[in-house]
Structures are given as structure tokens and as C-alpha cells.
PDB file of all heavy atoms in Angstrom:
ATOM      1  N   VAL A   1       0.833  -1.166  -0.003  1.00  0.00           N
ATOM      2  CA  VAL A   1       0.013  -0.016   0.019  1.00  0.00           C
ATOM      3  C   VAL A   1       1.001   1.304   0.020  1.00  0.00           C
ATOM      4  O   VAL A   1       1.833   1.295   0.813  1.00  0.00           O
ATOM      5  CB  VAL A   1      -0.938   0.044   1.168  1.00  0.00           C
ATOM      6  CG1 VAL A   1      -1.715   1.336   1.296  1.00  0.00           C
ATOM      7  CG2 VAL A   1      -1.937  -1.158   1.215  1.00  0.00           C
ATOM      8  N   LEU A   2       0.677   2.177  -0.948  1.00  0.00           N
ATOM      9  CA  LEU A   2       1.404   3.461  -1.003  1.00  0.00           C
ATOM     10  C   LEU A   2       0.611   4.554  -0.457  1.00  0.00           C
ATOM     11  O   LEU A   2      -0.631   4.661  -0.714  1.00  0.00           O
ATOM     12  CB  LEU A   2       1.815   3.687  -2.407  1.00  0.00           C
ATOM     13  CG  LEU A   2       2.538   4.963  -2.891  1.00  0.00           C
ATOM     14  CD1 LEU A   2       3.981   4.827  -2.196  1.00  0.00           C
ATOM     15  CD2 LEU A   2       2.636   5.212  -4.262  1.00  0.00           C
ATOM     16  N   ILE A   3       1.234   5.322   0.469  1.00  0.00           N
ATOM     17  CA  ILE A   3       0.436   6.453   1.131  1.00  0.00           C
ATOM     18  C   ILE A   3       1.184   7.736   0.725  1.00  0.00           C
ATOM     19  O   ILE A   3       2.415   7.785   0.989  1.00  0.00           O
ATOM     20  CB  ILE A   3       0.399   6.226   2.661  1.00  0.00           C
ATOM     21  CG1 ILE A   3      -0.279   4.998   3.022  1.00  0.00           C
ATOM     22  CG2 ILE A   3      -0.288   7.459   3.251  1.00  0.00           C
ATOM     23  CD1 ILE A   3      -0.229   4.619   4.474  1.00  0.00           C
ATOM     24  N   THR A   4       0.402   8.606   0.260  1.00  0.00           N
ATOM     25  CA  THR A   4       1.018  10.037   0.101  1.00  0.00           C
ATOM     26  C   THR A   4       0.615  10.853   1.429  1.00  0.00           C
ATOM     27  O   THR A   4      -0.567  10.595   1.852  1.00  0.00           O
ATOM     28  CB  THR A   4       0.434  10.801  -1.072  1.00  0.00           C
ATOM     29  OG1 THR A   4      -1.001  11.030  -0.902  1.00  0.00           O
ATOM     30  CG2 THR A   4       0.661  10.015  -2.242  1.00  0.00           C
ATOM     31  N   GLY A   5       1.411  11.569   1.918  1.00  0.00           N
ATOM     32  CA  GLY A   5       1.093  12.252   3.168  1.00  0.00           C
ATOM     33  C   GLY A   5       1.263  11.305   4.444  1.00  0.00           C
ATOM     34  O   GLY A   5       0.595  11.497   5.419  1.00  0.00           O
ATOM     35  N   GLY A   6       2.086  10.297   4.276  1.00  0.00           N
ATOM     36  CA  GLY A   6       2.270   9.289   5.370  1.00  0.00           C
ATOM     37  C   GLY A   6       2.841   9.859   6.664  1.00  0.00           C
ATOM     38  O   GLY A   6       2.525   9.194   7.686  1.00  0.00           O
ATOM     39  N   SER A   7       3.474  10.976   6.635  1.00  0.00           N
ATOM     40  CA  SER A   7       4.110  11.459   7.808  1.00  0.00           C
ATOM     41  C   SER A   7       3.123  12.352   8.660  1.00  0.00           C
ATOM     42  O   SER A   7       3.478  12.642   9.840  1.00  0.00           O
ATOM     43  CB  SER A   7       5.316  12.296   7.441  1.00  0.00           C
ATOM     44  OG  SER A   7       5.019  13.431   6.791  1.00  0.00           O
ATOM     45  N   GLY A   8       1.935  12.538   8.280  1.00  0.00           N
ATOM     46  CA  GLY A   8       0.978  13.271   8.874  1.00  0.00           C
ATOM     47  C   GLY A   8       0.246  12.369  10.016  1.00  0.00           C
ATOM     48  O   GLY A   8       0.628  11.259  10.064  1.00  0.00           O
ATOM     49  N   LEU A   9      -0.527  13.019  10.873  1.00  0.00           N
ATOM     50  CA  LEU A   9      -1.145  12.325  11.881  1.00  0.00           C
ATOM     51  C   LEU A   9      -1.956  11.115  11.456  1.00  0.00           C
ATOM     52  O   LEU A   9      -1.751  10.078  12.054  1.00  0.00           O
ATOM     53  CB  LEU A   9      -2.041  13.309  12.669  1.00  0.00           C
ATOM     54  CG  LEU A   9      -2.641  12.747  13.865  1.00  0.00           C
ATOM     55  CD1 LEU A   9      -1.701  12.404  14.987  1.00  0.00           C
ATOM     56  CD2 LEU A   9      -3.741  13.821  14.471  1.00  0.00           C
ATOM     57  N   LEU A  10      -2.829  11.353  10.422  1.00  0.00           N
ATOM     58  CA  LEU A  10      -3.590  10.262   9.996  1.00  0.00           C
ATOM     59  C   LEU A  10      -2.765   9.155   9.190  1.00  0.00           C
ATOM     60  O   LEU A  10      -2.827   7.951   9.384  1.00  0.00           O
ATOM     61  CB  LEU A  10      -4.672  10.665   8.939  1.00  0.00           C
ATOM     62  CG  LEU A  10      -5.732  11.493   9.590  1.00  0.00           C
ATOM     63  CD1 LEU A  10      -6.673  11.972   8.408  1.00  0.00           C
ATOM     64  CD2 LEU A  10      -6.698  10.660  10.558  1.00  0.00           C
ATOM     65  N   GLY A  11      -1.713   9.527   8.436  1.00  0.00           N
ATOM     66  CA  GLY A  11      -0.826   8.656   7.822  1.00  0.00           C
ATOM     67  C   GLY A  11      -0.024   7.788   8.665  1.00  0.00           C
ATOM     68  O   GLY A  11       0.174   6.620   8.383  1.00  0.00           O
ATOM     69  N   GLN A  12       0.421   8.405   9.750  1.00  0.00           N
ATOM     70  CA  GLN A  12       1.194   7.628  10.694  1.00  0.00           C
ATOM     71  C   GLN A  12       0.371   6.494  11.422  1.00  0.00           C
ATOM     72  O   GLN A  12       0.820   5.381  11.475  1.00  0.00           O
ATOM     73  CB  GLN A  12       1.899   8.494  11.846  1.00  0.00           C
ATOM     74  CG  GLN A  12       3.032   9.375  11.266  1.00  0.00           C
ATOM     75  CD  GLN A  12       3.641  10.154  12.361  1.00  0.00           C
ATOM     76  OE1 GLN A  12       3.649   9.769  13.397  1.00  0.00           O
ATOM     77  NE2 GLN A  12       3.946  11.504  11.961  1.00  0.00           N
ATOM     78  N   GLN A  13      -0.737   6.799  11.777  1.00  0.00           N
ATOM     79  CA  GLN A  13      -1.639   5.860  12.504  1.00  0.00           C
ATOM     80  C   GLN A  13      -1.985   4.840  11.416  1.00  0.00           C
ATOM     81  O   GLN A  13      -2.112   3.582  11.692  1.00  0.00           O
ATOM     82  CB  GLN A  13      -2.884   6.633  13.056  1.00  0.00           C
ATOM     83  CG  GLN A  13      -3.797   5.666  13.846  1.00  0.00           C
ATOM     84  CD  GLN A  13      -3.149   4.980  14.978  1.00  0.00           C
ATOM     85  OE1 GLN A  13      -2.254   5.631  15.613  1.00  0.00           O
ATOM     86  NE2 GLN A  13      -3.459   3.830  15.339  1.00  0.00           N
ATOM     87  N   LEU A  14      -2.434   5.124  10.192  1.00  0.00           N
ATOM     88  CA  LEU A  14      -2.837   4.199   9.204  1.00  0.00           C
ATOM     89  C   LEU A  14      -1.585   3.393   8.789  1.00  0.00           C
ATOM     90  O   LEU A  14      -1.827   2.023   8.757  1.00  0.00           O
ATOM     91  CB  LEU A  14      -3.289   4.976   7.829  1.00  0.00           C
ATOM     92  CG  LEU A  14      -3.733   4.132   6.759  1.00  0.00           C
ATOM     93  CD1 LEU A  14      -4.940   3.270   7.179  1.00  0.00           C
ATOM     94  CD2 LEU A  14      -4.147   5.000   5.556  1.00  0.00           C
ATOM     95  N   THR A  15      -0.525   3.846   8.728  1.00  0.00           N
ATOM     96  CA  THR A  15       0.657   3.043   8.577  1.00  0.00           C
ATOM     97  C   THR A  15       0.870   1.907   9.554  1.00  0.00           C
ATOM     98  O   THR A  15       1.009   0.794   9.247  1.00  0.00           O
ATOM     99  CB  THR A  15       1.876   3.907   8.432  1.00  0.00           C
ATOM    100  OG1 THR A  15       1.816   4.783   7.449  1.00  0.00           O
ATOM    101  CG2 THR A  15       3.157   3.021   8.318  1.00  0.00           C
ATOM    102  N   LYS A  16       0.762   2.321  10.793  1.00  0.00           N
ATOM    103  CA  LYS A  16       0.794   1.388  11.913  1.00  0.00           C
ATOM    104  C   LYS A  16      -0.227   0.191  11.792  1.00  0.00           C
ATOM    105  O   LYS A  16       0.154  -0.938  12.013  1.00  0.00           O
ATOM    106  CB  LYS A  16       0.668   2.130  13.266  1.00  0.00           C
ATOM    107  CG  LYS A  16       0.800   1.263  14.459  1.00  0.00           C
ATOM    108  CD  LYS A  16       0.603   2.047  15.739  1.00  0.00           C
ATOM    109  CE  LYS A  16       0.621   1.234  16.934  1.00  0.00           C
ATOM    110  NZ  LYS A  16       0.352   1.939  18.229  1.00  0.00           N
ATOM    111  N   GLN A  17      -1.436   0.567  11.487  1.00  0.00           N
ATOM    112  CA  GLN A  17      -2.567  -0.348  11.510  1.00  0.00           C
ATOM    113  C   GLN A  17      -2.438  -1.232  10.242  1.00  0.00           C
ATOM    114  O   GLN A  17      -2.627  -2.435  10.394  1.00  0.00           O
ATOM    115  CB  GLN A  17      -3.873   0.347  11.419  1.00  0.00           C
ATOM    116  CG  GLN A  17      -4.224   1.061  12.780  1.00  0.00           C
ATOM    117  CD  GLN A  17      -5.653   1.772  12.660  1.00  0.00           C
ATOM    118  OE1 GLN A  17      -6.213   1.868  11.592  1.00  0.00           O
ATOM    119  NE2 GLN A  17      -6.020   2.250  13.844  1.00  0.00           N
ATOM    120  N   LEU A  18      -1.949  -0.664   9.050  1.00  0.00           N
ATOM    121  CA  LEU A  18      -1.745  -1.557   7.996  1.00  0.00           C
ATOM    122  C   LEU A  18      -0.608  -2.621   8.163  1.00  0.00           C
ATOM    123  O   LEU A  18      -0.696  -3.776   7.791  1.00  0.00           O
ATOM    124  CB  LEU A  18      -1.386  -0.738   6.807  1.00  0.00           C
ATOM    125  CG  LEU A  18      -2.536   0.055   6.116  1.00  0.00           C
ATOM    126  CD1 LEU A  18      -2.087   1.117   5.062  1.00  0.00           C
ATOM    127  CD2 LEU A  18      -3.638  -0.985   5.477  1.00  0.00           C
ATOM    128  N   GLN A  19       0.458  -2.110   8.849  1.00  0.00           N
ATOM    129  CA  GLN A  19       1.636  -3.022   9.149  1.00  0.00           C
ATOM    130  C   GLN A  19       1.245  -4.081  10.008  1.00  0.00           C
ATOM    131  O   GLN A  19       1.588  -5.261   9.920  1.00  0.00           O
ATOM    132  CB  GLN A  19       2.745  -2.298   9.647  1.00  0.00           C
ATOM    133  CG  GLN A  19       3.472  -1.410   8.626  1.00  0.00           C
ATOM    134  CD  GLN A  19       4.640  -0.527   9.232  1.00  0.00           C
ATOM    135  OE1 GLN A  19       4.583  -0.027  10.252  1.00  0.00           O
ATOM    136  NE2 GLN A  19       5.683  -0.429   8.425  1.00  0.00           N
ATOM    137  N   GLU A  20       0.502  -3.744  11.079  1.00  0.00           N
ATOM    138  CA  GLU A  20      -0.073  -4.708  11.979  1.00  0.00           C
ATOM    139  C   GLU A  20      -0.925  -5.793  11.439  1.00  0.00           C
ATOM    140  O   GLU A  20      -1.123  -6.916  11.773  1.00  0.00           O
ATOM    141  CB  GLU A  20      -0.802  -4.084  13.293  1.00  0.00           C
ATOM    142  CG  GLU A  20       0.108  -3.314  14.136  1.00  0.00           C
ATOM    143  CD  GLU A  20      -0.646  -2.496  15.158  1.00  0.00           C
ATOM    144  OE1 GLU A  20      -1.905  -2.353  15.111  1.00  0.00           O
ATOM    145  OE2 GLU A  20       0.032  -1.919  16.048  1.00  0.00           O
ATOM    146  N   ALA A  21      -1.701  -5.357  10.330  1.00  0.00           N
ATOM    147  CA  ALA A  21      -2.573  -6.310   9.566  1.00  0.00           C
ATOM    148  C   ALA A  21      -1.787  -7.108   8.397  1.00  0.00           C
ATOM    149  O   ALA A  21      -2.378  -8.003   7.668  1.00  0.00           O
ATOM    150  CB  ALA A  21      -3.676  -5.528   8.858  1.00  0.00           C
ATOM    151  N   GLY A  22      -0.506  -6.811   8.451  1.00  0.00           N
ATOM    152  CA  GLY A  22       0.403  -7.651   7.479  1.00  0.00           C
ATOM    153  C   GLY A  22       0.818  -7.066   6.247  1.00  0.00           C
ATOM    154  O   GLY A  22       1.316  -7.750   5.271  1.00  0.00           O
ATOM    155  N   TYR A  23       0.395  -5.722   5.986  1.00  0.00           N
ATOM    156  CA  TYR A  23       0.708  -5.067   4.742  1.00  0.00           C
ATOM    157  C   TYR A  23       2.119  -4.509   4.639  1.00  0.00           C
ATOM    158  O   TYR A  23       2.681  -4.045   5.750  1.00  0.00           O
ATOM    159  CB  TYR A  23      -0.333  -3.911   4.574  1.00  0.00           C
ATOM    160  CG  TYR A  23      -1.757  -4.310   4.088  1.00  0.00           C
ATOM    161  CD1 TYR A  23      -2.550  -4.648   5.077  1.00  0.00           C
ATOM    162  CD2 TYR A  23      -2.052  -4.489   2.774  1.00  0.00           C
ATOM    163  CE1 TYR A  23      -3.928  -5.130   4.876  1.00  0.00           C
ATOM    164  CE2 TYR A  23      -3.376  -4.829   2.505  1.00  0.00           C
ATOM    165  CZ  TYR A  23      -4.248  -5.148   3.586  1.00  0.00           C
ATOM    166  OH  TYR A  23      -5.520  -5.593   3.135  1.00  0.00           O
ATOM    167  N   SER A  24       2.667  -4.369   3.564  1.00  0.00           N
ATOM    168  CA  SER A  24       3.928  -3.585   3.406  1.00  0.00           C
ATOM    169  C   SER A  24       3.456  -2.199   2.887  1.00  0.00           C
ATOM    170  O   SER A  24       2.687  -1.913   2.094  1.00  0.00           O
ATOM    171  CB  SER A  24       4.754  -4.259   2.200  1.00  0.00           C
ATOM    172  OG  SER A  24       5.801  -3.476   1.662  1.00  0.00           O
ATOM    173  N   VAL A  25       3.972  -1.229   3.720  1.00  0.00           N
ATOM    174  CA  VAL A  25       3.590   0.099   3.451  1.00  0.00           C
ATOM    175  C   VAL A  25       4.750   0.997   3.018  1.00  0.00           C
ATOM    176  O   VAL A  25       5.921   0.795   3.333  1.00  0.00           O
ATOM    177  CB  VAL A  25       3.153   0.731   4.870  1.00  0.00           C
ATOM    178  CG1 VAL A  25       2.683   2.209   4.678  1.00  0.00           C
ATOM    179  CG2 VAL A  25       1.865  -0.097   5.385  1.00  0.00           C
ATOM    180  N   ALA A  26       4.402   1.743   1.991  1.00  0.00           N
ATOM    181  CA  ALA A  26       5.408   2.786   1.464  1.00  0.00           C
ATOM    182  C   ALA A  26       4.813   4.146   1.477  1.00  0.00           C
ATOM    183  O   ALA A  26       3.659   4.321   1.355  1.00  0.00           O
ATOM    184  CB  ALA A  26       5.720   2.300  -0.052  1.00  0.00           C
ATOM    185  N   TRP A  27       5.793   5.172   1.630  1.00  0.00           N
ATOM    186  CA  TRP A  27       5.246   6.527   1.575  1.00  0.00           C
ATOM    187  C   TRP A  27       5.913   7.205   0.356  1.00  0.00           C
ATOM    188  O   TRP A  27       7.031   6.948  -0.072  1.00  0.00           O
ATOM    189  CB  TRP A  27       5.817   7.246   2.853  1.00  0.00           C
ATOM    190  CG  TRP A  27       5.160   6.902   4.163  1.00  0.00           C
ATOM    191  CD1 TRP A  27       4.293   5.950   4.306  1.00  0.00           C
ATOM    192  CD2 TRP A  27       5.509   7.475   5.367  1.00  0.00           C
ATOM    193  NE1 TRP A  27       3.879   5.958   5.716  1.00  0.00           N
ATOM    194  CE2 TRP A  27       4.792   6.817   6.400  1.00  0.00           C
ATOM    195  CE3 TRP A  27       6.410   8.464   5.785  1.00  0.00           C
ATOM    196  CZ2 TRP A  27       4.731   7.190   7.744  1.00  0.00           C
ATOM    197  CZ3 TRP A  27       6.523   8.790   6.993  1.00  0.00           C
ATOM    198  CH2 TRP A  27       5.668   8.146   8.106  1.00  0.00           C
ATOM    199  N   LEU A  28       5.067   8.056  -0.211  1.00  0.00           N
ATOM    200  CA  LEU A  28       5.400   8.883  -1.281  1.00  0.00           C
ATOM    201  C   LEU A  28       5.493  10.317  -0.781  1.00  0.00           C
ATOM    202  O   LEU A  28       4.299  10.824  -0.436  1.00  0.00           O
ATOM    203  CB  LEU A  28       4.527   8.813  -2.509  1.00  0.00           C
ATOM    204  CG  LEU A  28       4.867   9.527  -3.713  1.00  0.00           C
ATOM    205  CD1 LEU A  28       6.098   9.013  -4.396  1.00  0.00           C
ATOM    206  CD2 LEU A  28       3.627   9.337  -4.773  1.00  0.00           C
TER     207      LEU A  28
END
């Protein structure tokens, strides 16, 4: 899953939840 704006408040929380669910997360 690629996230733009990953360093923001929502992006950081979403990154954590996706990783806990087994996804590979990338930021753009």
C-alpha cells in the first residue's frame, strides 16, 4: 500500500494499522 502524506497524523496511524494487519507500507 502506497500512502501520500504518510508522515501526517492520519498517515502515521494508518501506517501502523496496515503493518499490524500484514501489509507492506510505502510513503510517497
